[in-house]
Amino acid sequence: MKIPIEDIHGIEELVCRIMNFDLLNASSKLRDAYEKTKDVAYHNFTMNAVCESHEIDEIENDIIRLKNRELLKSKLLADIFHHSTALSFLVITLYGYDEVDAKENDMLMSMFLDSWGTAFMECGQSWVLKKIAKRLKKQNLYTTHAFSPGQGEIPMEMQIPIFKILKPADIGVSLNEHYMMHPKKSISGIVGIQTEKDENSIRPCDICERRETCANAYA
């Protein structure tokens, strides 16, 4: 699934939040770095995603068993998805960031490029999740928030079943021995699918240790 950058909203605002940066009152040096890296990002970055949904067979203790026979072992995910009838798996990646970052030697420019990459990914993920939710709503189904390996007590090893199910190598995403993804700006996640909407469901920020300092917490 190609993510249309022209349809993504909020990227510039998120960059400013990440950098704690007031564009209107910033120095000319910071505004110049912002504009130059913005131009680099929009000319070089593209995004792609792969998504698949699978029905849940049963949830017992810390095990989620899917009908495709895959097992997910996580007490936290078992608790979060205890009302879900299926799970949607996703991997989203940003092309172009690694290449421009490797060529940049200026620290300030690198910081802005990193923030643009993060903002593209965060906003791109929101676009994908909204698209999934909109499609499911037509079937009177609802989604939970997305949860990723490494958040809270969700083990990094959860990358293994996600990659086994999705085969994101098809969009150029690989996994190393430490469960880190390449390209660097890539996100994996799992979303619960439910028959009833839960207004008080757990959010990723609720289980994140960085929620007090993260620029995008509860955004």
C-alpha atoms as a PDB file:
ATOM      1  CA  MET A   1       0.000   0.000   0.000  1.00  0.00           C
ATOM      2  CA  LYS A   2       1.626   3.228  -1.147  1.00  0.00           C
ATOM      3  CA  ILE A   3       0.955   6.054   1.306  1.00  0.00           C
ATOM      4  CA  PRO A   4       0.161   9.300  -0.573  1.00  0.00           C
ATOM      5  CA  ILE A   5       2.225  12.003   1.114  1.00  0.00           C
ATOM      6  CA  GLU A   6       0.032  14.689  -0.444  1.00  0.00           C
ATOM      7  CA  ASP A   7      -2.878  13.345   1.625  1.00  0.00           C
ATOM      8  CA  ILE A   8      -0.971  13.327   4.922  1.00  0.00           C
ATOM      9  CA  HIS A   9      -1.716  16.170   7.330  1.00  0.00           C
ATOM     10  CA  GLY A  10       0.127  17.485  10.368  1.00  0.00           C
ATOM     11  CA  ILE A  11       3.724  16.696   9.378  1.00  0.00           C
ATOM     12  CA  GLU A  12       5.042  20.264   9.682  1.00  0.00           C
ATOM     13  CA  GLU A  13       3.317  20.839  13.026  1.00  0.00           C
ATOM     14  CA  LEU A  14       4.751  17.607  14.437  1.00  0.00           C
ATOM     15  CA  VAL A  15       8.289  18.530  13.347  1.00  0.00           C
ATOM     16  CA  CYS A  16       7.966  21.772  15.301  1.00  0.00           C
ATOM     17  CA  ARG A  17       6.740  19.893  18.376  1.00  0.00           C
ATOM     18  CA  ILE A  18       9.532  17.330  18.161  1.00  0.00           C
ATOM     19  CA  MET A  19      12.152  20.063  17.833  1.00  0.00           C
ATOM     20  CA  ASN A  20      10.412  22.305  20.404  1.00  0.00           C
ATOM     21  CA  PHE A  21      10.593  24.879  17.647  1.00  0.00           C
ATOM     22  CA  ASP A  22       8.465  28.021  17.121  1.00  0.00           C
ATOM     23  CA  LEU A  23       8.732  28.741  13.418  1.00  0.00           C
ATOM     24  CA  LEU A  24       7.383  32.307  13.676  1.00  0.00           C
ATOM     25  CA  ASN A  25       9.809  33.363  16.409  1.00  0.00           C
ATOM     26  CA  ALA A  26      12.836  31.250  15.497  1.00  0.00           C
ATOM     27  CA  SER A  27      16.219  32.630  14.483  1.00  0.00           C
ATOM     28  CA  SER A  28      17.049  32.879  10.801  1.00  0.00           C
ATOM     29  CA  LYS A  29      19.520  29.989  11.223  1.00  0.00           C
ATOM     30  CA  LEU A  30      16.811  27.654  12.554  1.00  0.00           C
ATOM     31  CA  ARG A  31      14.236  28.775   9.970  1.00  0.00           C
ATOM     32  CA  ASP A  32      16.778  28.187   7.226  1.00  0.00           C
ATOM     33  CA  ALA A  33      17.542  24.664   8.523  1.00  0.00           C
ATOM     34  CA  TYR A  34      13.810  23.949   8.801  1.00  0.00           C
ATOM     35  CA  GLU A  35      13.064  25.068   5.230  1.00  0.00           C
ATOM     36  CA  LYS A  36      16.073  23.333   3.676  1.00  0.00           C
ATOM     37  CA  THR A  37      15.391  20.006   5.384  1.00  0.00           C
ATOM     38  CA  LYS A  38      11.666  20.300   4.617  1.00  0.00           C
ATOM     39  CA  ASP A  39      12.542  20.613   0.936  1.00  0.00           C
ATOM     40  CA  VAL A  40      14.871  17.588   1.168  1.00  0.00           C
ATOM     41  CA  ALA A  41      12.213  15.527   2.948  1.00  0.00           C
ATOM     42  CA  TYR A  42       9.381  16.255   0.528  1.00  0.00           C
ATOM     43  CA  HIS A  43      11.604  15.638  -2.486  1.00  0.00           C
ATOM     44  CA  ASN A  44      13.194  12.406  -1.235  1.00  0.00           C
ATOM     45  CA  PHE A  45      10.850  10.655   1.205  1.00  0.00           C
ATOM     46  CA  THR A  46       8.198   8.145   0.164  1.00  0.00           C
ATOM     47  CA  MET A  47       6.211   5.730   2.321  1.00  0.00           C
ATOM     48  CA  ASN A  48       4.823   2.252   1.891  1.00  0.00           C
ATOM     49  CA  ALA A  49       2.890  -0.159   4.097  1.00  0.00           C
ATOM     50  CA  VAL A  50       1.754  -3.757   4.238  1.00  0.00           C
ATOM     51  CA  CYS A  51      -1.288  -4.820   6.287  1.00  0.00           C
ATOM     52  CA  GLU A  52      -3.153  -8.078   6.932  1.00  0.00           C
ATOM     53  CA  SER A  53      -5.949  -9.121   9.298  1.00  0.00           C
ATOM     54  CA  HIS A  54      -6.355 -12.534  10.920  1.00  0.00           C
ATOM     55  CA  GLU A  55      -9.110 -13.928  13.120  1.00  0.00           C
ATOM     56  CA  ILE A  56      -8.427 -14.851  16.729  1.00  0.00           C
ATOM     57  CA  ASP A  57      -9.073 -18.468  17.673  1.00  0.00           C
ATOM     58  CA  GLU A  58      -8.730 -17.980  21.427  1.00  0.00           C
ATOM     59  CA  ILE A  59      -7.004 -15.943  24.119  1.00  0.00           C
ATOM     60  CA  GLU A  60      -5.823 -17.796  27.196  1.00  0.00           C
ATOM     61  CA  ASN A  61      -3.582 -16.325  29.898  1.00  0.00           C
ATOM     62  CA  ASP A  62      -0.668 -14.753  27.994  1.00  0.00           C
ATOM     63  CA  ILE A  63      -1.283 -16.517  24.670  1.00  0.00           C
ATOM     64  CA  ILE A  64      -3.230 -15.199  21.688  1.00  0.00           C
ATOM     65  CA  ARG A  65      -3.856 -18.033  19.230  1.00  0.00           C
ATOM     66  CA  LEU A  66      -4.834 -17.025  15.707  1.00  0.00           C
ATOM     67  CA  LYS A  67      -6.875 -19.177  13.351  1.00  0.00           C
ATOM     68  CA  ASN A  68      -3.865 -19.291  11.021  1.00  0.00           C
ATOM     69  CA  ARG A  69      -2.111 -21.148  13.924  1.00  0.00           C
ATOM     70  CA  GLU A  70       0.290 -18.312  14.756  1.00  0.00           C
ATOM     71  CA  LEU A  71       0.808 -17.706  18.476  1.00  0.00           C
ATOM     72  CA  LEU A  72       1.450 -14.336  20.103  1.00  0.00           C
ATOM     73  CA  LYS A  73       2.850 -14.541  23.631  1.00  0.00           C
ATOM     74  CA  SER A  74       2.337 -11.371  25.657  1.00  0.00           C
ATOM     75  CA  LYS A  75       0.293 -10.906  28.800  1.00  0.00           C
ATOM     76  CA  LEU A  76      -0.121  -7.215  28.022  1.00  0.00           C
ATOM     77  CA  LEU A  77      -1.420  -7.822  24.485  1.00  0.00           C
ATOM     78  CA  ALA A  78      -3.685 -10.618  25.728  1.00  0.00           C
ATOM     79  CA  ASP A  79      -5.223  -8.133  28.176  1.00  0.00           C
ATOM     80  CA  ILE A  80      -5.472  -5.310  25.618  1.00  0.00           C
ATOM     81  CA  PHE A  81      -7.089  -7.481  22.946  1.00  0.00           C
ATOM     82  CA  HIS A  82      -9.361  -9.569  25.194  1.00  0.00           C
ATOM     83  CA  HIS A  83     -12.489  -8.108  23.490  1.00  0.00           C
ATOM     84  CA  SER A  84     -11.077  -8.426  19.962  1.00  0.00           C
ATOM     85  CA  THR A  85     -12.238 -11.010  17.432  1.00  0.00           C
ATOM     86  CA  ALA A  86      -9.359 -10.436  15.013  1.00  0.00           C
ATOM     87  CA  LEU A  87      -6.028  -8.627  14.761  1.00  0.00           C
ATOM     88  CA  SER A  88      -4.695  -6.420  12.006  1.00  0.00           C
ATOM     89  CA  PHE A  89      -0.917  -6.472  11.538  1.00  0.00           C
ATOM     90  CA  LEU A  90       1.001  -3.688   9.835  1.00  0.00           C
ATOM     91  CA  VAL A  91       4.483  -2.588   8.862  1.00  0.00           C
ATOM     92  CA  ILE A  92       5.085   0.920   7.556  1.00  0.00           C
ATOM     93  CA  THR A  93       8.390   2.174   6.176  1.00  0.00           C
ATOM     94  CA  LEU A  94       9.955   5.403   4.973  1.00  0.00           C
ATOM     95  CA  TYR A  95      12.181   5.289   1.904  1.00  0.00           C
ATOM     96  CA  GLY A  96      14.886   7.878   1.313  1.00  0.00           C
ATOM     97  CA  TYR A  97      15.691   8.908   4.875  1.00  0.00           C
ATOM     98  CA  ASP A  98      18.708   6.643   5.401  1.00  0.00           C
ATOM     99  CA  GLU A  99      20.331   7.906   2.208  1.00  0.00           C
ATOM    100  CA  VAL A 100      19.961  11.637   2.884  1.00  0.00           C
ATOM    101  CA  ASP A 101      20.906  11.212   6.550  1.00  0.00           C
ATOM    102  CA  ALA A 102      24.128   9.390   5.592  1.00  0.00           C
ATOM    103  CA  LYS A 103      25.172  12.313   3.371  1.00  0.00           C
ATOM    104  CA  GLU A 104      24.500  15.032   5.955  1.00  0.00           C
ATOM    105  CA  ASN A 105      27.432  16.141   8.128  1.00  0.00           C
ATOM    106  CA  ASP A 106      25.853  19.153   9.829  1.00  0.00           C
ATOM    107  CA  MET A 107      24.440  18.254  13.263  1.00  0.00           C
ATOM    108  CA  LEU A 108      21.567  20.756  13.159  1.00  0.00           C
ATOM    109  CA  MET A 109      20.496  19.638   9.695  1.00  0.00           C
ATOM    110  CA  SER A 110      20.695  15.996  10.822  1.00  0.00           C
ATOM    111  CA  MET A 111      18.463  16.753  13.806  1.00  0.00           C
ATOM    112  CA  PHE A 112      15.879  18.363  11.562  1.00  0.00           C
ATOM    113  CA  LEU A 113      16.062  15.502   9.049  1.00  0.00           C
ATOM    114  CA  ASP A 114      15.539  13.001  11.868  1.00  0.00           C
ATOM    115  CA  SER A 115      12.501  14.977  13.037  1.00  0.00           C
ATOM    116  CA  TRP A 116      11.076  15.101   9.502  1.00  0.00           C
ATOM    117  CA  GLY A 117      11.553  11.333   9.207  1.00  0.00           C
ATOM    118  CA  THR A 118       9.812  10.698  12.519  1.00  0.00           C
ATOM    119  CA  ALA A 119       6.972  13.088  11.649  1.00  0.00           C
ATOM    120  CA  PHE A 120       6.431  11.450   8.247  1.00  0.00           C
ATOM    121  CA  MET A 121       6.215   8.046   9.940  1.00  0.00           C
ATOM    122  CA  GLU A 122       3.930   9.109  12.785  1.00  0.00           C
ATOM    123  CA  CYS A 123       1.541  10.892  10.444  1.00  0.00           C
ATOM    124  CA  GLY A 124       1.779   8.101   7.872  1.00  0.00           C
ATOM    125  CA  GLN A 125       0.842   5.547  10.514  1.00  0.00           C
ATOM    126  CA  SER A 126      -2.166   7.665  11.507  1.00  0.00           C
ATOM    127  CA  TRP A 127      -3.271   7.742   7.865  1.00  0.00           C
ATOM    128  CA  VAL A 128      -3.016   3.938   7.583  1.00  0.00           C
ATOM    129  CA  LEU A 129      -4.890   3.367  10.850  1.00  0.00           C
ATOM    130  CA  LYS A 130      -7.688   5.721   9.822  1.00  0.00           C
ATOM    131  CA  LYS A 131      -7.960   3.912   6.490  1.00  0.00           C
ATOM    132  CA  ILE A 132      -8.228   0.536   8.261  1.00  0.00           C
ATOM    133  CA  ALA A 133     -10.812   1.906  10.714  1.00  0.00           C
ATOM    134  CA  LYS A 134     -12.901   3.446   7.924  1.00  0.00           C
ATOM    135  CA  ARG A 135     -12.990   0.175   5.989  1.00  0.00           C
ATOM    136  CA  LEU A 136     -13.967  -1.837   9.064  1.00  0.00           C
ATOM    137  CA  LYS A 137     -16.650   0.634  10.136  1.00  0.00           C
ATOM    138  CA  LYS A 138     -18.582  -0.270   6.990  1.00  0.00           C
ATOM    139  CA  GLN A 139     -18.770  -3.798   8.450  1.00  0.00           C
ATOM    140  CA  ASN A 140     -19.853  -2.449  11.880  1.00  0.00           C
ATOM    141  CA  LEU A 141     -16.430  -3.272  13.302  1.00  0.00           C
ATOM    142  CA  TYR A 142     -14.124  -1.077  15.347  1.00  0.00           C
ATOM    143  CA  THR A 143     -10.399  -0.880  16.016  1.00  0.00           C
ATOM    144  CA  THR A 144      -8.266  -0.502  19.101  1.00  0.00           C
ATOM    145  CA  HIS A 145      -5.168   1.651  19.081  1.00  0.00           C
ATOM    146  CA  ALA A 146      -2.039   0.189  17.485  1.00  0.00           C
ATOM    147  CA  PHE A 147       0.636  -1.382  19.686  1.00  0.00           C
ATOM    148  CA  SER A 148       4.227  -2.081  18.705  1.00  0.00           C
ATOM    149  CA  PRO A 149       6.977  -4.438  19.871  1.00  0.00           C
ATOM    150  CA  GLY A 150       9.086  -2.707  22.499  1.00  0.00           C
ATOM    151  CA  GLN A 151       6.260  -0.593  23.913  1.00  0.00           C
ATOM    152  CA  GLY A 152       5.796  -1.168  27.626  1.00  0.00           C
ATOM    153  CA  GLU A 153       6.059  -4.877  28.355  1.00  0.00           C
ATOM    154  CA  ILE A 154       5.438  -5.959  24.750  1.00  0.00           C
ATOM    155  CA  PRO A 155       8.548  -8.010  23.889  1.00  0.00           C
ATOM    156  CA  MET A 156      10.701  -7.112  20.913  1.00  0.00           C
ATOM    157  CA  GLU A 157      10.448 -10.778  19.920  1.00  0.00           C
ATOM    158  CA  MET A 158       6.882  -9.985  18.824  1.00  0.00           C
ATOM    159  CA  GLN A 159       8.536  -8.797  15.614  1.00  0.00           C
ATOM    160  CA  ILE A 160       8.982 -12.448  14.626  1.00  0.00           C
ATOM    161  CA  PRO A 161       5.293 -13.367  14.176  1.00  0.00           C
ATOM    162  CA  ILE A 162       4.562  -9.954  12.637  1.00  0.00           C
ATOM    163  CA  PHE A 163       7.268 -10.491  10.013  1.00  0.00           C
ATOM    164  CA  LYS A 164       6.220 -14.117   9.485  1.00  0.00           C
ATOM    165  CA  ILE A 165       2.630 -13.070   8.811  1.00  0.00           C
ATOM    166  CA  LEU A 166       3.296  -9.978   6.680  1.00  0.00           C
ATOM    167  CA  LYS A 167       6.563 -10.812   4.878  1.00  0.00           C
ATOM    168  CA  PRO A 168       7.513  -7.103   4.723  1.00  0.00           C
ATOM    169  CA  ALA A 169      10.653  -7.969   2.771  1.00  0.00           C
ATOM    170  CA  ASP A 170       8.276  -7.488  -0.176  1.00  0.00           C
ATOM    171  CA  ILE A 171       8.359  -3.733   0.545  1.00  0.00           C
ATOM    172  CA  GLY A 172      12.058  -3.731   1.422  1.00  0.00           C
ATOM    173  CA  VAL A 173      11.884  -4.026   5.221  1.00  0.00           C
ATOM    174  CA  SER A 174      14.250  -6.423   6.995  1.00  0.00           C
ATOM    175  CA  LEU A 175      14.809  -7.457  10.610  1.00  0.00           C
ATOM    176  CA  ASN A 176      18.187  -7.944  12.275  1.00  0.00           C
ATOM    177  CA  GLU A 177      19.190 -10.257  15.126  1.00  0.00           C
ATOM    178  CA  HIS A 178      18.212  -7.585  17.661  1.00  0.00           C
ATOM    179  CA  TYR A 179      14.695  -7.297  16.149  1.00  0.00           C
ATOM    180  CA  MET A 180      15.459  -3.823  14.784  1.00  0.00           C
ATOM    181  CA  MET A 181      14.075  -2.944  11.372  1.00  0.00           C
ATOM    182  CA  HIS A 182      15.764  -1.563   8.272  1.00  0.00           C
ATOM    183  CA  PRO A 183      15.109   1.008   6.809  1.00  0.00           C
ATOM    184  CA  LYS A 184      15.692   2.820  10.080  1.00  0.00           C
ATOM    185  CA  LYS A 185      12.397   4.727   9.933  1.00  0.00           C
ATOM    186  CA  SER A 186      10.017   1.756  10.000  1.00  0.00           C
ATOM    187  CA  ILE A 187       7.109   0.947  12.304  1.00  0.00           C
ATOM    188  CA  SER A 188       5.417  -2.366  13.031  1.00  0.00           C
ATOM    189  CA  GLY A 189       2.190  -2.736  14.947  1.00  0.00           C
ATOM    190  CA  ILE A 190      -0.858  -4.762  15.888  1.00  0.00           C
ATOM    191  CA  VAL A 191      -4.433  -3.462  16.026  1.00  0.00           C
ATOM    192  CA  GLY A 192      -7.393  -5.196  17.631  1.00  0.00           C
ATOM    193  CA  ILE A 193     -10.661  -5.549  15.708  1.00  0.00           C
ATOM    194  CA  GLN A 194     -13.828  -5.506  17.813  1.00  0.00           C
ATOM    195  CA  THR A 195     -17.601  -5.682  17.375  1.00  0.00           C
ATOM    196  CA  GLU A 196     -18.143  -2.873  19.895  1.00  0.00           C
ATOM    197  CA  LYS A 197     -16.461   0.510  20.169  1.00  0.00           C
ATOM    198  CA  ASP A 198     -14.467   1.009  23.359  1.00  0.00           C
ATOM    199  CA  GLU A 199     -14.093   4.710  24.204  1.00  0.00           C
ATOM    200  CA  ASN A 200     -11.870   3.921  27.212  1.00  0.00           C
ATOM    201  CA  SER A 201      -9.462   1.492  25.586  1.00  0.00           C
ATOM    202  CA  ILE A 202      -5.784   1.473  26.544  1.00  0.00           C
ATOM    203  CA  ARG A 203      -3.623   3.806  24.443  1.00  0.00           C
ATOM    204  CA  PRO A 204       0.032   3.219  23.550  1.00  0.00           C
ATOM    205  CA  CYS A 205       1.036   6.300  25.559  1.00  0.00           C
ATOM    206  CA  ASP A 206      -0.490   4.690  28.663  1.00  0.00           C
ATOM    207  CA  ILE A 207       2.213   2.004  28.617  1.00  0.00           C
ATOM    208  CA  CYS A 208       5.115   4.093  27.312  1.00  0.00           C
ATOM    209  CA  GLU A 209       7.945   5.167  29.640  1.00  0.00           C
ATOM    210  CA  ARG A 210       8.563   8.294  27.526  1.00  0.00           C
ATOM    211  CA  ARG A 211       5.017   9.686  27.716  1.00  0.00           C
ATOM    212  CA  GLU A 212       6.078  12.541  30.024  1.00  0.00           C
ATOM    213  CA  THR A 213       8.677  13.879  27.587  1.00  0.00           C
ATOM    214  CA  CYS A 214       7.425  12.728  24.160  1.00  0.00           C
ATOM    215  CA  ALA A 215       6.356  15.559  21.839  1.00  0.00           C
ATOM    216  CA  ASN A 216       3.604  13.399  20.349  1.00  0.00           C
ATOM    217  CA  ALA A 217       2.254  11.868  23.597  1.00  0.00           C
ATOM    218  CA  TYR A 218      -1.538  11.601  23.549  1.00  0.00           C
ATOM    219  CA  ALA A 219      -1.634  13.659  20.346  1.00  0.00           C
END
